[in-house]
Amino acid sequence: MNLRNFPGVEYKIGGQFANEEMPANSPFAVPWWYRKEFEIPVADSGKQIWMQFHGINYRGEIWINGKKIAGPEEAVGSFRRYDYNVTQYVRP
């Protein structure tokens, strides 16, 4: 598979990737959203509920039930893992 055949992947060979301008048609030039619905089992009532995020790149905002639990100042870094106590934001 030649990744250079994908839209937005038009970087020069041999150049320093970090110094290249992002092409206007790059799919990474705009924010992305990921949404997940889940249920907390009733058996977990009264327990601490933690969520793990694996591989957020490069900054993220994390929202649960309309409440922001982390912003780009807290969720920042290349493909980092994050653990958040979300007990106050969820109900079984």
Foldseek 3Di string as FASTA:
>chain_A
DDPCPDPQNPDDPPDDPVPDDGDPRHPPPDDDDDDDDDADDPVCPPHWDKDKDFFDPAADWDDAPRRTPDGRVRGGHGRDMDMDGCVVRDDD
